[in-house]
Amino acid sequence: MLDDARGSAAGSPPGDAALLRIAGLSKSFPGLKALDDVSLEIRSGEVVSIVGQNGSGKSTLVKVLAGVYAADSGGVIEHGDLRFIHQDLGLVATLSTIENLDIGRRAPAWGLRPSPRRSERQAAEQAVRRFGGDFDVRTPVGRLSAAERTIVAISRAMRDWSPPDGVLVLDEPTAALGGEEVGRLFEAVRRVAEQGAGVLFISHRLDEVLGLSDRVIALRDGRVVATGDAGQVDHDWLVNAIAGRVLSTHRPHRQPPGADVALRVEKLSTDVLHDVDLRLRTGEVVGVSGLLGSGREQLAEAIFGATRRHGGSIVVSERTVPADQPRASIDNGVAFVPADRARYGAVMSLTARENLTLPQLRSLRRTFGRLDRAAENRETREWVDRVELHPALPDRPLRLFSGGNQQKVVMARWLRIMPKVLLLDEPTQGVDVGAKAAIYDLIDTAAAAGTAVLVASSDAAELLSICDRVLVLRHGRVAAELPRDEFSEARLLSESFDPAPSSPPIPLSTSSR
């Protein structure tokens, strides 16, 4: 069923002239050909999805279209109006939502006079509400959650949008969004297509690709390897096209968790969380589920000490960890992989090797404190092989790796210190199916070695796949605890919502007495 589409316009249907036409496009970097003779077309009213593993060339293609990268000579790109929602969002962290929405817009009619702030605020609030946003639009976006920042970027791209004869390009726009917010975005995308625009959609979430696309194009190693119309493709088709092989979704059975409690959290309270209690045993993988704003996004960082807590205690292997001190958490054997790896999880300007060894250099020191380069290189090579880093270039700056390979390095930097507790927030966000399987293997290996793992994720299928039990948060509190034999996607979702109010009893009729 995989149609070979190399060297031709990938699966373009007959009809009107293409709104976006790419022919023979290539892009080379030193030692790497990121795009290799890519051709495709998008026509009026089409939603075309591009799938592929991290490093397959998807983001490079978007950056070439946006003018960030110059393509190699010989290729052809023809297009009308292009609008972008980029994977890195392109927001200015120090500016408010109101100000970010105004970036790139024509100056208002009142010129140099002060703008009407109330109308601006109301317009910004209306714009973000279209996509489920309910936050103060005057707050600097750097203080917003990842999901809220995504909503700001979507709102900006869709503002003043006139779709006919244009193409909307979305590069992983839903990475930090929950189901309801994704649904709102998709409604807007379908309206854009119905009005005659073309849509180029990139996502690692295969259910989104299946639910939204008219046509799917698969990239692998920078080349178009397969195309399929909506009626042809299913989940297995996508996985096989992306990976080039069949990937097993079955998780190996882990040994039962140990009896010892590795992490004890009692009455943990922050601005968002209220009296949260939990226990993690050695070798146990515990999931955290909940809607956006439930506290799911804050729990791991609060335990680690990256968020100020107002009350409660954290005990690791019977030792109390001081509040709000990440260094003390690390010293007590707690590791934390945040959802936003680019801002908080790694130093993107450093090499993969430097990021790997940064948390624990003591073991690599010689006498008088000098770094043992030979020992560092040996340990780096071991972890590069263990996590299957691609390309296997440890001295390459981390920012030049794909998202999935960056996440492998972030995971490895903590696993090499053999933590007692591993806190993961959205560990596979923005990661392809191949890298996702590799990260799950790392989690399994850590648990098998006795590490207690806490996984906060908006992906219910992910939690069902890897966890021994799941905690469901609602309004900052633990609303339910589900053992493995009791949870399903439907159960997780139902526990995330407020229970329906009980109906008042129906009074007995007295008319017949």
Protein backbone atom coordinates (compact mmCIF):
# COMPACT_ATOMS: atom_id res chain seq x y z
CA MET A 1 0.00 0.00 0.00
CA LEU A 2 3.04 2.28 0.28
CA ASP A 3 3.25 4.14 -3.02
CA ASP A 4 6.80 5.05 -4.01
CA ALA A 5 6.71 8.79 -4.60
CA ARG A 6 10.37 9.68 -4.95
CA GLY A 7 11.26 12.31 -7.49
CA SER A 8 7.66 13.25 -8.35
CA ALA A 9 5.00 15.53 -6.93
CA ALA A 10 3.89 13.35 -4.07
CA GLY A 11 0.44 12.01 -4.78
CA SER A 12 -1.02 15.30 -6.05
CA PRO A 13 -4.61 14.98 -7.25
CA PRO A 14 -5.89 16.43 -10.54
CA GLY A 15 -7.75 19.74 -10.41
CA ASP A 16 -6.92 23.38 -9.87
CA ALA A 17 -3.37 24.69 -9.88
CA ALA A 18 -1.39 23.92 -6.74
CA LEU A 19 -1.29 26.56 -4.00
CA LEU A 20 2.07 25.13 -2.95
CA ARG A 21 4.36 23.29 -5.34
CA ILE A 22 7.75 21.86 -4.38
CA ALA A 23 9.92 20.02 -6.92
CA GLY A 24 13.35 18.48 -6.45
CA LEU A 25 14.03 20.29 -3.17
CA SER A 26 17.23 19.45 -1.28
CA LYS A 27 18.95 20.95 1.77
CA SER A 28 22.43 20.00 2.95
CA PHE A 29 24.30 20.73 6.17
CA PRO A 30 27.93 19.78 6.87
CA GLY A 31 27.96 16.00 7.04
CA LEU A 32 24.19 15.69 6.62
CA LYS A 33 21.64 15.88 3.80
CA ALA A 34 18.45 16.87 5.62
CA LEU A 35 16.26 16.98 2.48
CA ASP A 36 16.93 14.92 -0.63
CA ASP A 37 14.97 15.58 -3.85
CA VAL A 38 11.63 16.27 -2.11
CA SER A 39 8.60 16.98 -4.32
CA LEU A 40 4.99 17.58 -3.27
CA GLU A 41 1.93 19.69 -4.02
CA ILE A 42 -0.95 21.06 -1.95
CA ARG A 43 -4.15 22.16 -3.65
CA SER A 44 -7.15 24.23 -2.67
CA GLY A 45 -9.17 22.73 0.17
CA GLU A 46 -6.63 20.00 0.98
CA VAL A 47 -5.19 19.08 4.35
CA VAL A 48 -1.91 17.29 3.66
CA SER A 49 -0.01 15.76 6.58
CA ILE A 50 3.70 15.03 6.60
CA VAL A 51 4.87 12.30 8.95
CA GLY A 52 8.29 10.95 9.79
CA GLN A 53 10.67 10.28 12.64
CA ASN A 54 12.63 13.09 14.26
CA GLY A 55 15.45 13.85 11.85
CA SER A 56 13.46 12.78 8.80
CA GLY A 57 13.45 16.35 7.44
CA LYS A 58 9.99 17.62 8.42
CA SER A 59 11.09 20.67 10.40
CA THR A 60 13.85 21.43 7.90
CA LEU A 61 11.22 21.52 5.15
CA VAL A 62 9.12 23.99 7.16
CA LYS A 63 12.15 26.21 7.83
CA VAL A 64 13.02 26.25 4.14
CA LEU A 65 9.46 27.32 3.31
CA ALA A 66 9.64 30.02 5.99
CA GLY A 67 12.97 31.34 4.67
CA VAL A 68 14.94 30.37 7.78
CA TYR A 69 17.13 28.06 5.66
CA ALA A 70 18.16 28.54 2.06
CA ALA A 71 17.59 25.44 -0.06
CA ASP A 72 20.31 23.88 -2.20
CA SER A 73 20.34 25.06 -5.80
CA GLY A 74 18.18 23.27 -8.35
CA GLY A 75 14.91 22.92 -6.43
CA VAL A 76 11.63 24.71 -7.14
CA ILE A 77 9.23 26.25 -4.60
CA GLU A 78 6.06 28.01 -5.80
CA HIS A 79 3.49 29.34 -3.35
CA GLY A 80 1.09 32.13 -2.47
CA ASP A 81 0.45 33.46 1.04
CA LEU A 82 2.04 31.20 3.67
CA ARG A 83 1.17 31.36 7.37
CA PHE A 84 3.13 29.38 9.96
CA ILE A 85 2.70 27.92 13.42
CA HIS A 86 6.22 26.75 14.26
CA GLN A 87 7.29 24.02 16.65
CA ASP A 88 9.27 26.56 18.72
CA LEU A 89 6.24 28.93 18.59
CA GLY A 90 8.29 32.08 17.93
CA LEU A 91 6.92 34.00 20.91
CA VAL A 92 8.70 36.73 22.88
CA ALA A 93 8.72 35.51 26.47
CA THR A 94 8.96 38.98 28.04
CA LEU A 95 5.93 40.32 26.16
CA SER A 96 2.30 39.74 27.04
CA THR A 97 -0.21 37.80 24.95
CA ILE A 98 -1.63 41.13 23.76
CA GLU A 99 1.79 42.26 22.54
CA ASN A 100 2.69 38.90 20.98
CA LEU A 101 -0.55 38.90 19.02
CA ASP A 102 0.34 42.32 17.62
CA ILE A 103 3.83 41.33 16.40
CA GLY A 104 4.01 41.72 12.64
CA ARG A 105 0.68 43.50 12.32
CA ARG A 106 0.26 46.84 10.58
CA ALA A 107 0.30 49.86 12.92
CA PRO A 108 -3.22 50.88 14.03
CA ALA A 109 -5.03 53.89 12.62
CA TRP A 110 -4.36 55.96 15.74
CA GLY A 111 -0.67 56.05 14.83
CA LEU A 112 1.53 57.29 17.66
CA ARG A 113 -1.33 57.93 20.03
CA PRO A 114 -1.78 55.47 22.92
CA SER A 115 -3.71 52.39 21.81
CA PRO A 116 -7.10 51.63 23.39
CA ARG A 117 -5.84 49.07 25.93
CA ARG A 118 -9.29 47.83 26.93
CA SER A 119 -10.27 46.95 23.35
CA GLU A 120 -6.87 45.35 22.76
CA ARG A 121 -7.27 43.21 25.87
CA GLN A 122 -10.79 42.19 24.89
CA ALA A 123 -9.66 41.29 21.36
CA ALA A 124 -6.79 39.20 22.75
CA GLU A 125 -9.08 37.43 25.20
CA GLN A 126 -11.50 36.62 22.40
CA ALA A 127 -8.67 35.34 20.20
CA VAL A 128 -7.31 32.90 22.81
CA ARG A 129 -10.77 31.74 23.89
CA ARG A 130 -11.33 30.37 20.38
CA PHE A 131 -8.77 27.71 21.24
CA GLY A 132 -9.64 27.07 24.87
CA GLY A 133 -7.45 29.76 26.44
CA ASP A 134 -8.60 31.13 29.79
CA PHE A 135 -5.70 33.11 31.25
CA ASP A 136 -4.64 36.71 31.85
CA VAL A 137 -3.57 38.06 28.43
CA ARG A 138 -1.54 40.80 30.18
CA THR A 139 0.85 38.26 31.74
CA PRO A 140 4.25 37.78 29.99
CA VAL A 141 3.96 34.60 27.95
CA GLY A 142 7.15 33.27 29.56
CA ARG A 143 5.09 32.76 32.73
CA LEU A 144 2.37 30.78 30.93
CA SER A 145 2.29 27.00 30.72
CA ALA A 146 3.44 25.21 27.56
CA ALA A 147 -0.18 24.61 26.54
CA GLU A 148 -1.10 28.26 27.06
CA ARG A 149 1.88 29.44 25.00
CA THR A 150 0.81 27.11 22.17
CA ILE A 151 -2.65 28.65 22.26
CA VAL A 152 -1.10 32.13 21.95
CA ALA A 153 0.91 31.05 18.89
CA ILE A 154 -2.14 29.48 17.26
CA SER A 155 -4.22 32.57 17.95
CA ARG A 156 -1.57 34.83 16.40
CA ALA A 157 -1.29 32.74 13.23
CA MET A 158 -5.06 32.62 12.77
CA ARG A 159 -5.64 36.32 13.46
CA ASP A 160 -6.55 38.42 10.38
CA TRP A 161 -6.28 35.25 8.29
CA SER A 162 -7.78 35.37 4.77
CA PRO A 163 -7.54 31.77 3.57
CA PRO A 164 -8.35 31.76 -0.18
CA ASP A 165 -5.24 31.10 -2.27
CA GLY A 166 -3.08 30.69 0.84
CA VAL A 167 -1.47 27.82 2.71
CA LEU A 168 -1.43 27.38 6.48
CA VAL A 169 1.62 25.46 7.71
CA LEU A 170 1.36 23.86 11.16
CA ASP A 171 4.52 22.28 12.60
CA GLU A 172 3.58 20.23 15.69
CA PRO A 173 0.95 22.76 16.83
CA THR A 174 -0.74 20.39 19.29
CA ALA A 175 2.33 19.09 21.15
CA ALA A 176 1.26 20.69 24.44
CA LEU A 177 -2.52 20.64 23.97
CA GLY A 178 -5.15 18.40 25.49
CA GLY A 179 -8.04 16.80 23.62
CA GLU A 180 -10.50 19.68 23.95
CA GLU A 181 -7.97 22.28 22.76
CA VAL A 182 -6.93 20.02 19.86
CA GLY A 183 -10.57 19.71 18.84
CA ARG A 184 -10.96 23.49 18.72
CA LEU A 185 -7.84 23.85 16.62
CA PHE A 186 -9.01 21.19 14.18
CA GLU A 187 -12.37 22.91 13.79
CA ALA A 188 -10.54 26.09 12.80
CA VAL A 189 -8.22 24.20 10.43
CA ARG A 190 -11.17 22.54 8.69
CA ARG A 191 -12.87 25.93 8.28
CA VAL A 192 -9.68 27.29 6.69
CA ALA A 193 -9.63 24.39 4.20
CA GLU A 194 -13.35 24.71 3.44
CA GLN A 195 -12.75 28.33 2.47
CA GLY A 196 -10.30 27.27 -0.22
CA ALA A 197 -6.92 27.32 1.50
CA GLY A 198 -4.40 24.51 1.60
CA VAL A 199 -3.09 23.16 4.89
CA LEU A 200 0.27 21.51 5.53
CA PHE A 201 0.09 19.69 8.87
CA ILE A 202 2.96 18.04 10.76
CA SER A 203 2.34 15.96 13.87
CA HIS A 204 3.73 12.96 15.72
CA ARG A 205 0.25 12.17 17.01
CA LEU A 206 -0.90 9.59 14.51
CA ASP A 207 -4.55 9.75 15.58
CA GLU A 208 -4.52 13.45 14.66
CA VAL A 209 -3.05 12.68 11.25
CA LEU A 210 -5.73 10.05 10.61
CA GLY A 211 -8.54 12.31 11.81
CA LEU A 212 -7.58 15.45 9.90
CA SER A 213 -5.80 14.55 6.67
CA ASP A 214 -6.97 14.25 3.09
CA ARG A 215 -3.55 12.93 2.13
CA VAL A 216 -0.44 11.76 3.99
CA ILE A 217 3.19 11.99 2.87
CA ALA A 218 5.92 10.07 4.72
CA LEU A 219 9.52 11.30 4.94
CA ARG A 220 12.46 9.14 5.91
CA ASP A 221 16.10 10.30 5.90
CA GLY A 222 15.08 13.43 4.03
CA ARG A 223 13.27 11.66 1.19
CA VAL A 224 9.62 11.13 0.35
CA VAL A 225 9.13 7.37 0.71
CA ALA A 226 5.35 6.93 0.68
CA THR A 227 2.05 8.70 0.04
CA GLY A 228 -1.52 7.68 0.71
CA ASP A 229 -4.99 9.16 0.48
CA ALA A 230 -7.21 9.32 3.54
CA GLY A 231 -9.09 6.16 2.60
CA GLN A 232 -5.89 4.16 2.19
CA VAL A 233 -4.03 4.85 5.42
CA ASP A 234 -4.49 3.49 8.92
CA HIS A 235 -2.35 3.39 12.06
CA ASP A 236 -0.22 0.44 10.91
CA TRP A 237 0.35 2.09 7.53
CA LEU A 238 1.63 5.22 9.24
CA VAL A 239 3.92 3.37 11.66
CA ASN A 240 5.41 1.22 8.90
CA ALA A 241 5.90 4.22 6.61
CA ILE A 242 7.56 6.28 9.34
CA ALA A 243 9.83 3.59 10.77
CA GLY A 244 10.45 1.48 7.69
CA ARG A 245 9.82 -1.54 9.87
CA VAL A 246 7.17 -2.96 12.18
CA LEU A 247 7.44 -1.56 15.73
CA SER A 248 6.08 -3.57 18.61
CA THR A 249 3.65 -1.71 20.87
CA HIS A 250 3.71 -4.48 23.48
CA ARG A 251 5.58 -3.53 26.62
CA PRO A 252 7.56 -6.30 28.30
CA HIS A 253 6.23 -7.37 31.69
CA ARG A 254 8.22 -5.77 34.49
CA GLN A 255 8.90 -7.33 37.82
CA PRO A 256 6.47 -6.22 40.57
CA PRO A 257 7.61 -3.07 42.40
CA GLY A 258 9.63 -3.49 45.55
CA ALA A 259 8.24 -3.07 49.05
CA ASP A 260 10.44 -0.10 49.98
CA VAL A 261 8.99 3.40 49.58
CA ALA A 262 11.37 5.50 47.50
CA LEU A 263 9.30 8.70 47.52
CA ARG A 264 6.71 9.88 50.01
CA VAL A 265 4.79 13.10 49.38
CA GLU A 266 2.48 14.36 52.11
CA LYS A 267 0.09 17.33 51.98
CA LEU A 268 1.99 18.99 49.12
CA SER A 269 0.49 22.41 48.40
CA THR A 270 1.44 25.15 45.91
CA ASP A 271 -0.51 27.88 44.14
CA VAL A 272 -2.17 25.09 42.12
CA LEU A 273 -1.83 21.87 44.15
CA HIS A 274 -3.74 21.22 47.38
CA ASP A 275 -2.81 18.60 49.98
CA VAL A 276 -1.46 16.06 47.49
CA ASP A 277 -0.38 12.72 48.97
CA LEU A 278 1.42 9.99 47.03
CA ARG A 279 3.82 7.08 47.47
CA LEU A 280 6.25 5.62 44.94
CA ARG A 281 7.86 2.26 45.60
CA THR A 282 11.21 1.17 44.23
CA GLY A 283 10.89 -0.08 40.66
CA GLU A 284 7.37 1.33 40.28
CA VAL A 285 6.12 3.48 37.38
CA VAL A 286 3.24 5.73 38.44
CA GLY A 287 1.35 7.92 36.00
CA VAL A 288 -0.27 11.30 36.61
CA SER A 289 -3.29 12.22 34.51
CA GLY A 290 -5.63 15.19 34.47
CA LEU A 291 -7.04 17.98 32.35
CA LEU A 292 -5.17 21.17 31.55
CA GLY A 293 -5.08 23.22 34.75
CA SER A 294 -5.70 20.22 37.02
CA GLY A 295 -2.22 20.44 38.53
CA ARG A 296 -0.81 17.65 36.38
CA GLU A 297 1.64 20.07 34.77
CA GLN A 298 2.97 21.33 38.13
CA LEU A 299 3.27 18.17 40.22
CA ALA A 300 6.68 16.91 39.07
CA GLU A 301 8.37 20.30 39.27
CA ALA A 302 6.82 20.93 42.69
CA ILE A 303 8.24 17.64 44.01
CA PHE A 304 11.64 18.51 42.51
CA GLY A 305 11.63 21.93 44.16
CA ALA A 306 11.40 24.02 41.00
CA THR A 307 8.08 25.52 42.15
CA ARG A 308 7.59 27.24 45.50
CA ARG A 309 5.51 25.11 47.82
CA HIS A 310 3.30 26.46 50.57
CA GLY A 311 3.12 23.32 52.64
CA GLY A 312 3.78 19.61 52.82
CA SER A 313 6.83 17.40 52.91
CA ILE A 314 8.94 15.40 50.45
CA VAL A 315 10.77 12.32 51.77
CA VAL A 316 13.18 10.30 49.61
CA SER A 317 14.40 7.00 51.07
CA GLU A 318 13.49 8.20 54.58
CA ARG A 319 15.37 11.50 54.17
CA THR A 320 13.38 14.76 54.17
CA VAL A 321 14.23 17.02 51.22
CA PRO A 322 14.25 20.78 51.93
CA ALA A 323 11.58 22.82 50.16
CA ASP A 324 12.25 24.71 46.94
CA GLN A 325 15.83 23.48 46.52
CA PRO A 326 16.43 21.54 43.27
CA ARG A 327 20.10 21.06 44.24
CA ALA A 328 19.03 19.33 47.44
CA SER A 329 16.67 17.12 45.44
CA ILE A 330 19.51 16.07 43.13
CA ASP A 331 21.80 15.40 46.10
CA ASN A 332 19.08 13.13 47.53
CA GLY A 333 18.77 11.14 44.31
CA VAL A 334 15.86 12.89 42.56
CA ALA A 335 16.06 13.60 38.81
CA PHE A 336 13.60 15.73 36.81
CA VAL A 337 12.99 15.84 33.05
CA PRO A 338 10.72 18.85 32.38
CA ALA A 339 8.20 19.14 29.55
CA ASP A 340 10.05 22.07 27.96
CA ARG A 341 13.48 20.57 27.39
CA ALA A 342 14.76 23.54 25.34
CA ARG A 343 14.16 26.03 28.18
CA TYR A 344 14.64 23.94 31.31
CA GLY A 345 15.90 20.45 30.43
CA ALA A 346 19.21 21.06 28.70
CA VAL A 347 21.71 23.66 27.50
CA MET A 348 21.11 23.74 23.77
CA SER A 349 24.33 25.59 22.94
CA LEU A 350 26.44 22.86 24.58
CA THR A 351 27.29 19.58 22.88
CA ALA A 352 25.50 16.31 23.49
CA ARG A 353 28.57 15.10 25.42
CA GLU A 354 28.61 18.17 27.67
CA ASN A 355 24.89 17.84 28.37
CA LEU A 356 25.29 14.16 29.18
CA THR A 357 28.00 14.65 31.77
CA LEU A 358 26.95 18.02 33.21
CA PRO A 359 24.83 16.83 36.20
CA GLN A 360 27.61 14.65 37.62
CA LEU A 361 31.22 15.55 36.85
CA ARG A 362 32.69 14.44 40.18
CA SER A 363 33.23 10.86 39.00
CA LEU A 364 35.14 12.13 35.95
CA ARG A 365 37.59 14.32 37.88
CA ARG A 366 41.27 13.56 38.24
CA THR A 367 43.47 14.59 41.14
CA PHE A 368 43.39 18.36 41.71
CA GLY A 369 40.00 18.59 39.98
CA ARG A 370 41.01 18.29 36.31
CA LEU A 371 38.48 16.62 34.04
CA ASP A 372 39.52 13.17 32.78
CA ARG A 373 38.71 13.57 29.10
CA ALA A 374 39.34 9.92 28.29
CA ALA A 375 36.92 8.80 31.00
CA GLU A 376 34.35 11.35 29.85
CA ASN A 377 34.60 10.15 26.24
CA ARG A 378 34.27 6.49 27.28
CA GLU A 379 31.15 7.18 29.32
CA THR A 380 29.68 9.37 26.59
CA ARG A 381 30.17 6.68 23.96
CA GLU A 382 28.48 4.15 26.23
CA TRP A 383 25.38 6.32 26.58
CA VAL A 384 25.32 7.34 22.92
CA ASP A 385 25.15 3.64 22.06
CA ARG A 386 22.66 2.85 24.82
CA VAL A 387 20.11 5.49 23.76
CA GLU A 388 20.82 5.01 20.03
CA LEU A 389 21.60 8.69 19.46
CA HIS A 390 21.22 9.63 15.79
CA PRO A 391 23.48 10.85 14.36
CA ALA A 392 26.04 9.42 16.80
CA LEU A 393 27.97 12.69 17.05
CA PRO A 394 28.47 13.52 20.74
CA ASP A 395 30.44 16.70 20.00
CA ARG A 396 27.62 18.18 17.96
CA PRO A 397 25.66 21.04 19.62
CA LEU A 398 22.47 19.66 21.10
CA ARG A 399 20.34 22.26 19.29
CA LEU A 400 21.26 20.64 15.96
CA PHE A 401 19.71 17.28 16.93
CA SER A 402 16.07 16.44 16.32
CA GLY A 403 13.61 16.72 19.21
CA GLY A 404 13.54 12.98 19.83
CA ASN A 405 17.32 12.74 20.01
CA GLN A 406 17.51 15.78 22.28
CA GLN A 407 15.10 14.03 24.63
CA LYS A 408 17.24 10.89 24.60
CA VAL A 409 20.22 12.97 25.75
CA VAL A 410 18.15 14.67 28.47
CA MET A 411 16.99 11.25 29.71
CA ALA A 412 20.51 9.82 29.58
CA ARG A 413 22.06 12.72 31.53
CA TRP A 414 19.91 11.79 34.53
CA LEU A 415 19.88 8.02 34.15
CA ARG A 416 23.69 7.90 34.26
CA ILE A 417 23.61 9.10 37.89
CA MET A 418 21.26 6.18 38.77
CA PRO A 419 18.56 8.25 40.52
CA LYS A 420 16.36 6.86 43.26
CA VAL A 421 13.41 8.84 41.86
CA LEU A 422 12.90 9.92 38.24
CA LEU A 423 10.27 12.62 37.59
CA LEU A 424 9.11 12.88 33.97
CA ASP A 425 6.79 15.60 32.66
CA GLU A 426 5.46 14.84 29.13
CA PRO A 427 8.51 12.66 28.34
CA THR A 428 7.51 11.97 24.72
CA GLN A 429 6.05 15.35 23.81
CA GLY A 430 7.00 16.20 20.22
CA VAL A 431 8.68 12.82 19.73
CA ASP A 432 8.16 10.37 16.87
CA VAL A 433 7.11 6.74 17.24
CA GLY A 434 10.65 5.39 16.99
CA ALA A 435 12.08 7.73 19.64
CA LYS A 436 8.99 7.16 21.79
CA ALA A 437 9.65 3.41 21.85
CA ALA A 438 13.29 4.08 22.80
CA ILE A 439 12.24 6.36 25.68
CA TYR A 440 9.78 3.75 26.96
CA ASP A 441 12.63 1.23 26.95
CA LEU A 442 14.73 3.65 29.03
CA ILE A 443 11.88 3.99 31.53
CA ASP A 444 11.52 0.21 31.76
CA THR A 445 15.27 -0.19 32.25
CA ALA A 446 15.34 2.43 35.01
CA ALA A 447 12.41 0.77 36.82
CA ALA A 448 14.05 -2.64 36.51
CA ALA A 449 17.14 -1.18 38.20
CA GLY A 450 15.02 -0.03 41.16
CA THR A 451 14.31 3.59 40.25
CA ALA A 452 10.84 4.86 41.17
CA VAL A 453 9.40 6.70 38.16
CA LEU A 454 6.64 9.33 38.12
CA VAL A 455 5.24 10.10 34.62
CA ALA A 456 2.94 13.11 34.17
CA SER A 457 1.39 12.94 30.71
CA SER A 458 -1.59 14.21 28.74
CA ASP A 459 -1.39 11.06 26.57
CA ALA A 460 -3.73 8.50 28.10
CA ALA A 461 -2.50 5.71 25.81
CA GLU A 462 1.04 6.38 27.01
CA LEU A 463 0.07 6.04 30.65
CA LEU A 464 -1.83 2.83 29.95
CA SER A 465 1.19 1.41 28.17
CA ILE A 466 3.93 2.03 30.74
CA CYS A 467 2.42 2.56 34.20
CA ASP A 468 1.69 0.25 37.13
CA ARG A 469 -0.98 2.63 38.41
CA VAL A 470 -2.26 6.12 37.60
CA LEU A 471 -3.23 9.08 39.79
CA VAL A 472 -5.88 11.40 38.36
CA LEU A 473 -5.71 15.05 39.42
CA ARG A 474 -8.71 17.36 39.46
CA HIS A 475 -8.60 20.98 40.68
CA GLY A 476 -5.16 20.41 42.20
CA ARG A 477 -6.16 17.35 44.22
CA VAL A 478 -5.87 13.61 43.72
CA ALA A 479 -9.36 12.66 42.55
CA ALA A 480 -8.71 8.97 41.87
CA GLU A 481 -6.03 6.29 42.05
CA LEU A 482 -6.41 3.51 39.50
CA PRO A 483 -4.45 0.24 39.59
CA ARG A 484 -3.38 -1.24 36.29
CA ASP A 485 -6.28 -3.68 36.05
CA GLU A 486 -8.82 -0.86 36.44
CA PHE A 487 -7.73 1.88 34.09
CA SER A 488 -8.71 2.62 30.51
CA GLU A 489 -8.73 5.78 28.41
CA ALA A 490 -12.45 6.20 29.08
CA ARG A 491 -11.94 5.77 32.85
CA LEU A 492 -9.07 8.26 32.96
CA LEU A 493 -11.15 10.81 31.09
CA SER A 494 -14.26 10.33 33.19
CA GLU A 495 -12.29 10.68 36.44
CA SER A 496 -10.75 13.92 35.14
CA PHE A 497 -14.12 15.68 34.95
CA ASP A 498 -16.22 16.88 37.86
CA PRO A 499 -18.85 14.29 38.77
CA ALA A 500 -22.33 15.05 37.54
CA PRO A 501 -24.53 16.55 40.28
CA SER A 502 -26.91 14.03 41.71
CA SER A 503 -30.52 14.55 40.72
CA PRO A 504 -32.92 15.53 43.51
CA PRO A 505 -35.40 12.83 44.44
CA ILE A 506 -38.65 12.91 42.50
CA PRO A 507 -41.47 13.76 44.91
CA LEU A 508 -44.28 11.27 45.21
CA SER A 509 -47.48 12.36 43.54
CA THR A 510 -50.38 13.01 45.89
CA SER A 511 -53.01 13.60 43.23
CA SER A 512 -54.19 9.99 43.29
CA ARG A 513 -54.57 9.71 47.02
